[in-house]
Protein backbone atom coordinates (compact mmCIF):
# COMPACT_ATOMS: atom_id res chain seq x y z
CA UNK A 1 6.99 32.97 12.52
CA UNK A 2 10.54 31.70 13.00
CA UNK A 3 9.68 30.66 16.57
CA UNK A 4 6.37 29.06 15.50
CA UNK A 5 8.11 26.87 12.94
CA UNK A 6 10.93 25.92 15.31
CA UNK A 7 8.43 24.91 18.00
CA UNK A 8 6.49 22.85 15.46
CA UNK A 9 9.66 21.11 14.27
CA UNK A 10 10.65 20.22 17.82
CA UNK A 11 7.15 19.20 18.91
CA UNK A 12 6.79 16.81 15.98
CA UNK A 13 10.44 15.68 15.98
CA UNK A 14 10.91 16.42 12.29
CA UNK A 15 14.71 16.48 12.51
CA UNK A 16 17.57 15.05 14.52
CA UNK A 17 21.03 16.62 14.86
CA UNK A 18 23.20 15.63 11.93
CA UNK A 19 20.30 15.17 9.49
CA UNK A 20 21.20 15.79 5.85
CA UNK A 21 18.12 17.34 4.28
CA UNK A 22 16.98 17.70 0.67
CA UNK A 23 14.91 20.90 0.40
CA UNK A 24 12.38 20.91 -2.44
CA UNK A 25 12.77 24.35 -4.06
CA UNK A 26 10.36 25.38 -6.81
CA UNK A 27 11.18 29.09 -6.55
CA UNK A 28 7.67 29.97 -5.36
CA UNK A 29 6.98 31.78 -2.09
CA UNK A 30 6.36 28.66 -0.01
CA UNK A 31 9.51 26.78 -0.99
CA UNK A 32 11.64 29.94 -0.80
CA UNK A 33 10.37 30.50 2.74
CA UNK A 34 11.14 26.88 3.60
CA UNK A 35 14.73 27.13 2.38
CA UNK A 36 15.35 30.48 4.08
CA UNK A 37 13.92 29.34 7.42
CA UNK A 38 15.76 26.00 7.43
CA UNK A 39 18.97 27.81 6.51
CA UNK A 40 18.47 30.11 9.51
CA UNK A 41 17.81 27.08 11.72
CA UNK A 42 20.66 25.05 10.27
CA UNK A 43 23.06 25.55 13.18
CA UNK A 44 20.34 25.41 15.86
CA UNK A 45 19.07 22.05 14.59
CA UNK A 46 22.41 20.69 13.35
CA UNK A 47 21.33 20.24 9.71
CA UNK A 48 23.09 20.01 6.39
CA UNK A 49 20.99 21.23 3.43
CA UNK A 50 20.86 20.68 -0.30
CA UNK A 51 18.30 22.46 -2.51
CA UNK A 52 16.77 20.53 -5.41
CA UNK A 53 14.76 22.15 -8.21
CA UNK A 54 12.81 20.15 -10.80
CA UNK A 55 12.22 21.74 -14.22
CA UNK A 56 9.16 19.95 -15.63
CA UNK A 57 9.67 20.99 -19.24
CA UNK A 58 6.44 23.02 -19.06
CA UNK A 59 5.61 26.76 -18.99
CA UNK A 60 8.51 27.71 -21.30
CA UNK A 61 10.47 30.82 -20.29
CA UNK A 62 8.59 31.12 -17.02
CA UNK A 63 9.95 27.74 -15.92
CA UNK A 64 13.47 28.73 -17.02
CA UNK A 65 13.15 31.88 -14.91
CA UNK A 66 12.13 29.80 -11.87
CA UNK A 67 15.15 27.51 -12.28
CA UNK A 68 17.57 30.41 -12.60
CA UNK A 69 16.11 32.15 -9.55
CA UNK A 70 16.25 28.98 -7.43
CA UNK A 71 19.91 28.58 -8.33
CA UNK A 72 20.76 32.20 -7.49
CA UNK A 73 18.93 32.08 -4.16
CA UNK A 74 20.70 28.87 -3.14
CA UNK A 75 24.07 30.36 -4.07
CA UNK A 76 23.31 33.52 -2.04
CA UNK A 77 22.43 31.40 0.98
CA UNK A 78 25.45 29.15 0.54
CA UNK A 79 23.31 26.04 0.06
CA UNK A 80 24.37 23.37 -2.47
CA UNK A 81 21.94 23.32 -5.41
CA UNK A 82 20.98 21.00 -8.25
CA UNK A 83 18.44 21.45 -11.05
CA UNK A 84 17.01 18.37 -12.78
CA UNK A 85 15.09 18.66 -16.06
CA UNK A 86 12.28 16.22 -16.92
CA UNK A 87 9.54 15.96 -19.54
CA UNK A 88 6.35 15.77 -17.49
CA UNK A 89 4.06 15.86 -20.54
CA UNK A 90 5.80 12.86 -22.11
CA UNK A 91 5.76 10.96 -18.80
CA UNK A 92 2.01 11.66 -18.48
CA UNK A 93 1.31 10.26 -21.97
CA UNK A 94 3.45 7.18 -21.41
CA UNK A 95 1.87 6.38 -18.04
CA UNK A 96 -1.73 7.39 -18.74
CA UNK A 97 -2.03 10.12 -16.10
CA UNK A 98 -2.58 13.84 -15.90
CA UNK A 99 0.37 16.20 -16.36
CA UNK A 100 -0.12 17.42 -12.79
CA UNK A 101 0.08 13.87 -11.41
CA UNK A 102 3.05 13.07 -13.65
CA UNK A 103 4.89 16.13 -12.34
CA UNK A 104 4.34 15.03 -8.77
CA UNK A 105 5.57 11.47 -9.50
CA UNK A 106 8.70 12.79 -11.16
CA UNK A 107 9.44 15.31 -8.42
CA UNK A 108 9.37 12.76 -5.64
CA UNK A 109 11.40 10.27 -7.68
CA UNK A 110 14.07 12.94 -8.15
CA UNK A 111 13.96 14.06 -4.52
CA UNK A 112 14.51 10.48 -3.40
CA UNK A 113 17.36 9.94 -5.86
CA UNK A 114 19.04 13.16 -4.74
CA UNK A 115 18.54 12.17 -1.10
CA UNK A 116 20.40 8.92 -1.71
CA UNK A 117 23.16 10.68 -3.66
CA UNK A 118 23.50 13.19 -0.80
CA UNK A 119 23.48 10.40 1.83
CA UNK A 120 20.48 12.32 3.09
CA UNK A 121 18.03 11.40 5.79
CA UNK A 122 15.05 13.69 5.10
CA UNK A 123 13.21 15.46 2.26
CA UNK A 124 11.62 18.76 3.33
CA UNK A 125 8.62 20.03 1.33
CA UNK A 126 6.80 23.34 1.70
CA UNK A 127 3.16 22.39 2.36
CA UNK A 128 1.60 24.90 4.76
CA UNK A 129 -1.56 25.29 6.81
CA UNK A 130 -3.74 26.47 3.91
CA UNK A 131 -2.54 23.54 1.79
CA UNK A 132 -3.65 21.28 4.63
CA UNK A 133 -7.18 22.70 4.64
CA UNK A 134 -7.30 22.35 0.86
CA UNK A 135 -6.14 18.72 1.08
CA UNK A 136 -8.73 17.81 3.69
CA UNK A 137 -11.55 19.30 1.61
CA UNK A 138 -10.24 17.63 -1.54
CA UNK A 139 -10.18 14.24 0.19
CA UNK A 140 -13.64 14.81 1.65
CA UNK A 141 -15.15 15.70 -1.73
CA UNK A 142 -13.56 12.65 -3.38
CA UNK A 143 -14.66 10.32 -0.61
CA UNK A 144 -12.37 9.30 2.22
CA UNK A 145 -12.10 7.84 5.69
CA UNK A 146 -10.46 9.20 8.82
CA UNK A 147 -7.00 8.91 7.32
CA UNK A 148 -7.89 11.23 4.45
CA UNK A 149 -9.69 13.64 6.78
CA UNK A 150 -6.51 13.80 8.84
CA UNK A 151 -4.74 15.41 5.90
CA UNK A 152 -0.97 15.44 5.49
CA UNK A 153 1.18 14.21 8.36
CA UNK A 154 4.14 16.26 9.63
CA UNK A 155 6.36 13.22 9.02
CA UNK A 156 5.74 10.40 6.56
CA UNK A 157 8.66 8.07 5.89
CA UNK A 158 11.50 10.39 4.77
CA UNK A 159 9.18 13.31 3.96
CA UNK A 160 8.86 16.18 6.48
CA UNK A 161 6.61 19.26 6.35
CA UNK A 162 7.99 22.01 8.60
CA UNK A 163 5.53 24.73 7.46
CA UNK A 164 2.23 23.05 8.38
CA UNK A 165 1.93 25.34 11.41
CA UNK A 166 1.86 28.56 9.35
CA UNK A 167 -0.42 29.93 6.65
CA UNK A 168 0.14 31.56 3.29
CA UNK A 169 -0.37 35.10 4.60
CA UNK A 170 2.26 34.58 7.29
CA UNK A 171 4.70 33.23 4.70
CA UNK A 172 4.23 36.24 2.42
CA UNK A 173 4.58 38.64 5.36
CA UNK A 174 7.78 36.91 6.46
CA UNK A 175 9.34 37.18 2.99
CA UNK A 176 8.30 40.84 2.70
CA UNK A 177 9.86 41.58 6.06
CA UNK A 178 13.10 39.91 4.96
CA UNK A 179 13.03 41.63 1.56
CA UNK A 180 13.21 38.28 -0.24
CA UNK A 181 11.61 37.92 -3.66
CA UNK A 182 10.07 34.79 -5.16
CA UNK A 183 8.57 33.55 -8.43
CA UNK A 184 4.88 33.49 -9.28
CA UNK A 185 3.58 30.38 -11.06
CA UNK A 186 0.87 31.58 -13.46
CA UNK A 187 -0.83 28.15 -13.41
CA UNK A 188 -1.70 28.62 -9.72
CA UNK A 189 -4.20 31.29 -10.74
CA UNK A 190 -5.88 28.97 -13.26
CA UNK A 191 -8.94 27.03 -12.21
CA UNK A 192 -8.39 24.12 -14.58
CA UNK A 193 -7.24 21.84 -11.78
CA UNK A 194 -9.58 20.71 -9.00
CA UNK A 195 -7.18 21.65 -6.22
CA UNK A 196 -6.69 25.11 -7.72
CA UNK A 197 -10.46 25.62 -7.73
CA UNK A 198 -10.66 24.62 -4.06
CA UNK A 199 -7.82 27.03 -3.26
CA UNK A 200 -8.97 29.96 -5.40
CA UNK A 201 -12.76 29.69 -5.33
CA UNK A 202 -14.23 27.32 -2.75
CA UNK A 203 -12.17 28.11 0.35
CA UNK A 204 -12.43 31.90 -0.06
CA UNK A 205 -16.19 31.66 -0.52
CA UNK A 206 -16.57 29.43 2.54
CA UNK A 207 -14.61 31.97 4.60
CA UNK A 208 -16.72 34.84 3.29
CA UNK A 209 -20.17 33.24 3.27
CA UNK A 210 -20.02 30.65 6.08
CA UNK A 211 -17.33 31.40 8.66
CA UNK A 212 -14.19 33.48 8.37
CA UNK A 213 -12.48 30.94 10.65
CA UNK A 214 -13.53 28.05 8.43
CA UNK A 215 -9.94 27.18 7.53
CA UNK A 216 -8.92 26.91 11.19
CA UNK A 217 -12.01 24.82 11.95
CA UNK A 218 -11.23 22.46 9.08
CA UNK A 219 -7.69 22.02 10.41
CA UNK A 220 -8.96 21.37 13.95
CA UNK A 221 -11.34 18.70 12.66
CA UNK A 222 -8.46 17.23 10.66
CA UNK A 223 -6.28 17.00 13.77
CA UNK A 224 -9.02 15.16 15.64
CA UNK A 225 -9.50 12.80 12.69
CA UNK A 226 -5.76 12.13 12.62
CA UNK A 227 -5.75 11.32 16.36
CA UNK A 228 -8.72 8.96 15.96
CA UNK A 229 -7.04 7.33 12.97
CA UNK A 230 -3.82 6.78 14.94
CA UNK A 231 -5.78 5.17 17.79
CA UNK A 232 -7.69 2.84 15.46
CA UNK A 233 -4.47 1.90 13.66
CA UNK A 234 -3.00 0.93 17.04
CA UNK A 235 -6.04 -1.25 17.82
CA UNK A 236 -5.87 -2.92 14.40
CA UNK A 237 -2.17 -3.58 14.79
CA UNK A 238 -2.83 -5.26 18.15
CA UNK A 239 -5.42 -7.55 16.59
CA UNK A 240 -3.07 -8.58 13.78
CA UNK A 241 -0.28 -9.27 16.27
CA UNK A 242 -2.60 -11.45 18.33
CA UNK A 243 -4.60 -13.18 15.61
CA UNK A 244 -2.73 -12.62 12.36
CA UNK A 245 -0.66 -14.98 10.26
CA UNK A 246 1.46 -14.12 7.24
CA UNK A 247 3.43 -15.69 4.43
CA UNK A 248 6.75 -14.32 3.19
CA UNK A 249 9.08 -15.02 0.30
CA UNK A 250 12.77 -15.85 0.54
CA UNK A 251 13.63 -12.14 0.84
CA UNK A 252 11.25 -11.74 3.78
CA UNK A 253 8.67 -9.74 1.80
CA UNK A 254 5.09 -10.33 2.92
CA UNK A 255 3.20 -12.10 0.13
CA UNK A 256 -0.04 -12.86 1.98
CA UNK A 257 -1.64 -11.72 5.23
CA UNK A 258 -4.31 -13.64 7.08
CA UNK A 259 -6.31 -13.17 10.27
CA UNK A 260 -8.56 -15.36 12.41
CA UNK A 261 -12.05 -14.66 11.06
CA UNK A 262 -13.90 -15.43 14.29
CA UNK A 263 -11.68 -13.08 16.28
CA UNK A 264 -12.20 -10.28 13.77
CA UNK A 265 -15.97 -10.87 13.67
CA UNK A 266 -16.12 -10.03 17.37
CA UNK A 267 -14.84 -6.50 16.71
CA UNK A 268 -16.79 -3.37 15.75
CA UNK A 269 -17.19 -2.71 12.03
CA UNK A 270 -14.74 0.19 12.04
CA UNK A 271 -12.05 -2.03 13.60
CA UNK A 272 -12.76 -4.74 11.02
CA UNK A 273 -12.22 -2.22 8.25
CA UNK A 274 -8.99 -0.92 9.78
CA UNK A 275 -7.60 -4.45 10.14
CA UNK A 276 -8.42 -5.24 6.52
CA UNK A 277 -6.82 -2.00 5.32
CA UNK A 278 -3.72 -2.83 7.34
CA UNK A 279 -3.68 -6.33 5.81
CA UNK A 280 -3.86 -4.84 2.31
CA UNK A 281 -1.03 -2.41 3.08
CA UNK A 282 1.15 -5.20 4.46
CA UNK A 283 0.90 -7.08 1.15
CA UNK A 284 0.75 -4.17 -1.30
CA UNK A 285 2.25 -1.16 0.60
CA UNK A 286 0.09 1.33 -1.31
CA UNK A 287 -3.65 1.84 -0.81
CA UNK A 288 -3.97 3.60 -4.18
CA UNK A 289 -7.29 2.73 -5.88
CA UNK A 290 -8.50 0.85 -2.76
CA UNK A 291 -11.88 2.31 -1.78
CA UNK A 292 -14.16 1.73 1.19
CA UNK A 293 -16.32 -0.44 -1.09
CA UNK A 294 -13.38 -2.79 -1.62
CA UNK A 295 -12.67 -2.95 2.11
CA UNK A 296 -16.33 -3.64 2.93
CA UNK A 297 -16.49 -6.36 0.25
CA UNK A 298 -13.53 -8.06 1.87
CA UNK A 299 -15.13 -7.69 5.32
CA UNK A 300 -18.31 -9.36 4.02
CA UNK A 301 -16.29 -12.56 3.53
CA UNK A 302 -16.14 -12.86 7.31
CA UNK A 303 -19.80 -13.90 7.15
CA UNK A 304 -19.34 -16.20 4.14
CA UNK A 305 -18.24 -19.77 3.63
CA UNK A 306 -14.75 -21.04 2.97
CA UNK A 307 -13.54 -20.64 -0.60
CA UNK A 308 -15.40 -17.41 -1.34
CA UNK A 309 -13.27 -14.55 -2.60
CA UNK A 310 -13.47 -11.02 -4.04
CA UNK A 311 -11.14 -9.28 -6.44
CA UNK A 312 -9.36 -6.13 -5.27
CA UNK A 313 -7.33 -3.55 -7.21
CA UNK A 314 -3.55 -3.87 -7.58
CA UNK A 315 -3.74 -7.58 -8.46
CA UNK A 316 -4.99 -8.59 -5.00
CA UNK A 317 -7.77 -10.85 -3.77
CA UNK A 318 -9.49 -11.28 -0.43
CA UNK A 319 -10.37 -14.91 0.24
CA UNK A 320 -12.01 -16.83 3.07
CA UNK A 321 -10.09 -20.03 3.81
CA UNK A 322 -11.81 -21.97 6.58
CA UNK A 323 -11.49 -19.96 9.79
CA UNK A 324 -9.20 -17.33 8.30
CA UNK A 325 -9.58 -14.29 6.06
CA UNK A 326 -6.62 -13.73 3.71
CA UNK A 327 -5.36 -10.90 1.53
CA UNK A 328 -3.05 -12.26 -1.12
CA UNK A 329 -1.87 -11.67 -4.65
CA UNK A 330 -3.57 -13.31 -7.58
CA UNK A 331 -1.57 -15.97 -9.30
CA UNK A 332 -0.07 -14.57 -12.49
CA UNK A 333 -2.22 -15.13 -15.53
CA UNK A 334 0.80 -16.32 -17.46
CA UNK A 335 0.92 -19.45 -15.34
CA UNK A 336 -2.50 -20.61 -16.58
CA UNK A 337 -2.48 -19.40 -20.17
CA UNK A 338 -0.27 -22.27 -21.25
CA UNK A 339 0.50 -25.67 -19.86
CA UNK A 340 3.63 -26.08 -17.81
CA UNK A 341 4.98 -29.25 -16.21
CA UNK A 342 6.89 -29.28 -12.94
CA UNK A 343 8.83 -32.41 -12.05
CA UNK A 344 8.81 -33.28 -8.33
CA UNK A 345 9.53 -36.51 -6.46
CA UNK A 346 6.65 -38.98 -6.76
CA UNK A 347 4.46 -36.78 -8.99
CA UNK A 348 4.25 -34.80 -12.20
CA UNK A 349 2.29 -31.55 -12.00
CA UNK A 350 0.55 -29.78 -14.85
CA UNK A 351 -1.54 -26.57 -14.73
CA UNK A 352 -4.15 -25.57 -17.33
CA UNK A 353 -7.47 -23.68 -17.69
CA UNK A 354 -10.67 -25.50 -16.79
CA UNK A 355 -13.72 -25.40 -19.03
CA UNK A 356 -17.05 -25.89 -17.34
CA UNK A 357 -18.37 -29.38 -18.02
CA UNK A 358 -14.95 -30.74 -18.91
CA UNK A 359 -14.72 -34.45 -18.05
CA UNK A 360 -12.68 -35.18 -14.95
CA UNK A 361 -10.50 -38.33 -15.06
CA UNK A 362 -12.01 -41.20 -13.07
CA UNK A 363 -8.88 -43.28 -12.68
CA UNK A 364 -7.08 -43.37 -9.38
CA UNK A 365 -3.61 -42.39 -10.61
CA UNK A 366 -4.51 -39.01 -12.18
CA UNK A 367 -6.08 -36.42 -9.90
CA UNK A 368 -7.43 -32.93 -10.64
CA UNK A 369 -7.57 -30.14 -8.07
CA UNK A 370 -8.78 -26.51 -8.03
CA UNK A 371 -5.49 -24.63 -8.45
CA UNK A 372 -6.85 -21.25 -7.31
CA UNK A 373 -7.63 -22.60 -3.84
CA UNK A 374 -3.99 -23.47 -3.18
CA UNK A 375 -2.46 -21.03 -0.70
CA UNK A 376 1.13 -22.21 -0.24
CA UNK A 377 3.83 -23.87 -2.31
CA UNK A 378 2.86 -27.54 -2.73
CA UNK A 379 5.07 -30.20 -1.20
CA UNK A 380 5.23 -33.96 -1.55
CA UNK A 381 6.19 -35.41 1.81
CA UNK A 382 5.21 -37.67 4.65
CA UNK A 383 2.73 -36.91 7.44
CA UNK A 384 3.53 -34.14 9.93
CA UNK A 385 1.86 -33.12 13.19
CA UNK A 386 -1.10 -30.82 12.47
CA UNK A 387 -1.83 -32.11 8.96
CA UNK A 388 -5.53 -32.20 8.16
CA UNK A 389 -8.04 -32.85 5.35
CA UNK A 390 -11.44 -31.40 4.52
CA UNK A 391 -14.43 -33.71 4.57
CA UNK A 392 -17.72 -33.48 2.68
CA UNK A 393 -19.78 -30.74 4.33
CA UNK A 394 -16.73 -28.67 5.23
CA UNK A 395 -15.60 -30.42 8.39
CA UNK A 396 -11.98 -31.20 9.15
CA UNK A 397 -10.19 -34.38 10.12
CA UNK A 398 -6.54 -34.74 10.97
CA UNK A 399 -4.56 -37.05 8.76
CA UNK A 400 -3.70 -39.08 11.83
CA UNK A 401 -7.41 -39.60 12.57
CA UNK A 402 -8.07 -40.48 8.93
CA UNK A 403 -5.31 -43.09 8.91
CA UNK A 404 -6.58 -44.61 12.17
CA UNK A 405 -10.12 -44.79 10.75
CA UNK A 406 -8.74 -46.42 7.61
CA UNK A 407 -7.07 -48.99 9.88
CA UNK A 408 -3.65 -48.27 8.44
CA UNK A 409 -1.03 -49.95 10.65
CA UNK A 410 0.94 -47.49 12.75
CA UNK A 411 4.27 -48.56 11.27
CA UNK A 412 2.96 -47.86 7.74
CA UNK A 413 1.54 -44.37 8.41
CA UNK A 414 4.91 -42.64 8.16
CA UNK A 415 5.60 -44.26 4.78
CA UNK A 416 2.56 -42.95 2.90
CA UNK A 417 3.34 -39.88 0.75
CA UNK A 418 1.08 -36.83 0.85
CA UNK A 419 0.58 -33.77 -1.35
CA UNK A 420 0.21 -30.82 1.01
CA UNK A 421 -0.67 -27.13 0.83
CA UNK A 422 1.00 -26.09 4.07
CA UNK A 423 -0.73 -28.25 6.68
CA UNK A 424 -3.78 -28.78 4.48
CA UNK A 425 -3.42 -32.11 2.67
CA UNK A 426 -4.81 -32.31 -0.86
CA UNK A 427 -4.14 -36.00 -1.39
CA UNK A 428 -3.20 -38.94 0.77
CA UNK A 429 -1.73 -40.83 -2.15
CA UNK A 430 -3.37 -44.19 -2.65
CA UNK A 431 -6.28 -43.34 -0.34
CA UNK A 432 -8.22 -40.09 -0.53
CA UNK A 433 -8.30 -36.46 -1.75
CA UNK A 434 -9.56 -33.43 0.16
CA UNK A 435 -13.09 -32.24 -0.59
CA UNK A 436 -11.98 -28.60 -0.43
CA UNK A 437 -9.76 -28.78 -3.52
CA UNK A 438 -12.19 -30.74 -5.73
CA UNK A 439 -13.25 -29.31 -9.11
CA UNK A 440 -16.56 -27.39 -9.07
CA UNK A 441 -18.51 -25.21 -11.50
CA UNK A 442 -16.62 -22.22 -10.05
CA UNK A 443 -13.19 -23.65 -10.88
CA UNK A 444 -11.11 -21.62 -13.35
CA UNK A 445 -7.77 -23.43 -13.27
CA UNK A 446 -6.84 -27.07 -12.76
CA UNK A 447 -3.66 -28.52 -11.35
CA UNK A 448 -3.31 -32.11 -12.53
CA UNK A 449 -1.23 -34.53 -10.48
CA UNK A 450 -0.20 -37.78 -12.11
CA UNK A 451 1.47 -40.51 -10.12
CA UNK A 452 4.50 -42.15 -11.75
CA UNK A 453 3.42 -41.16 -15.24
CA UNK A 454 0.01 -42.72 -14.70
CA UNK A 455 1.39 -46.25 -14.69
CA UNK A 456 0.61 -47.08 -11.06
CA UNK A 457 -2.75 -46.75 -9.40
CA UNK A 458 -3.10 -44.21 -6.61
């Protein structure tokens, strides 16, 4: 088994010489095997190790026993050790999640903190081949795409899984051969948790009643799914590099991701979905709570008209803006719950909720626009190359063309102020507003622009 794990580590490039590795050590057979094997490979691979045990504040004396054993084992092996106590039950109540999920959140938070304190580069966890089969089935039963069917990756960010090439029976045989004991977690035998039921009931029955090699076949299918997923991710990334556009904040964080809708429409449906998922990840990082239904709803906007949008989890929206599909964050509700004035050169801005049927000012010096259609930070400036407006019916006209049609003298065109959303002009002050930003029955929020306190006509 030693050779199998070493080959797997090298083949998947889990470590580099000089890596400082946090080893997650629960005291159970899998994590004990992980620590022992990595300790044996320490010189071969050029690693420095630190074992970290998390006491969840559950299981009473049994948990205390696990902590004590983990500490003794680490001391015997000469590996630095730390035990961190948490209250998983309290965390679960405070964050509205199951105790099992809370424990996982806390563990990985602690592993990451200890990694930073250790100036570490990797966190090694003890998932093995049988865990992989269980994960693939769990994802399949819950509903998943190729990524979920691919199971756990050998490397994900700072997390590495050196034992994915070996199964539970091999681990137990290895520990027995070495004469190394381990702790038994009584909750693993319970069938209260879905994953425990898959492990204890479903997988054994599949092996007995369907195919004794079912676990291996599941893993093989998972590997093929992972390869297909990697290929499709590569294709999606190429499309975004060629046809994508993004917005970032001052820190360089992506706040919105767009793509040319016509270019994406030419692709197969599966590529469309992969591009949209990649767009969501670029803005939100996590895909938690994002389902295939959400992705397909966003993809449907490719066939819709400009201005249509759908809500997504995590405070995101997908919106069609002319020839582009965008994933962006919703504007914070706090900005529309109460009026707020922003003083800028030439104009005063005010934002407030719109009530259907509300009378829109008819005078030329106070203008109302649909705030939710604004994509960028507004600016008050003079004309720039590429500026355009939207006409009735959805067509576009450059501001230059508009000014020529209005017979504005060339020497005056650079003196007329505009209100612009990027290159999309809301208002050529004193002349015309864009049709796209006008108030409709679907408007929820108004941005009012008032020229010089409403004293001068515009």
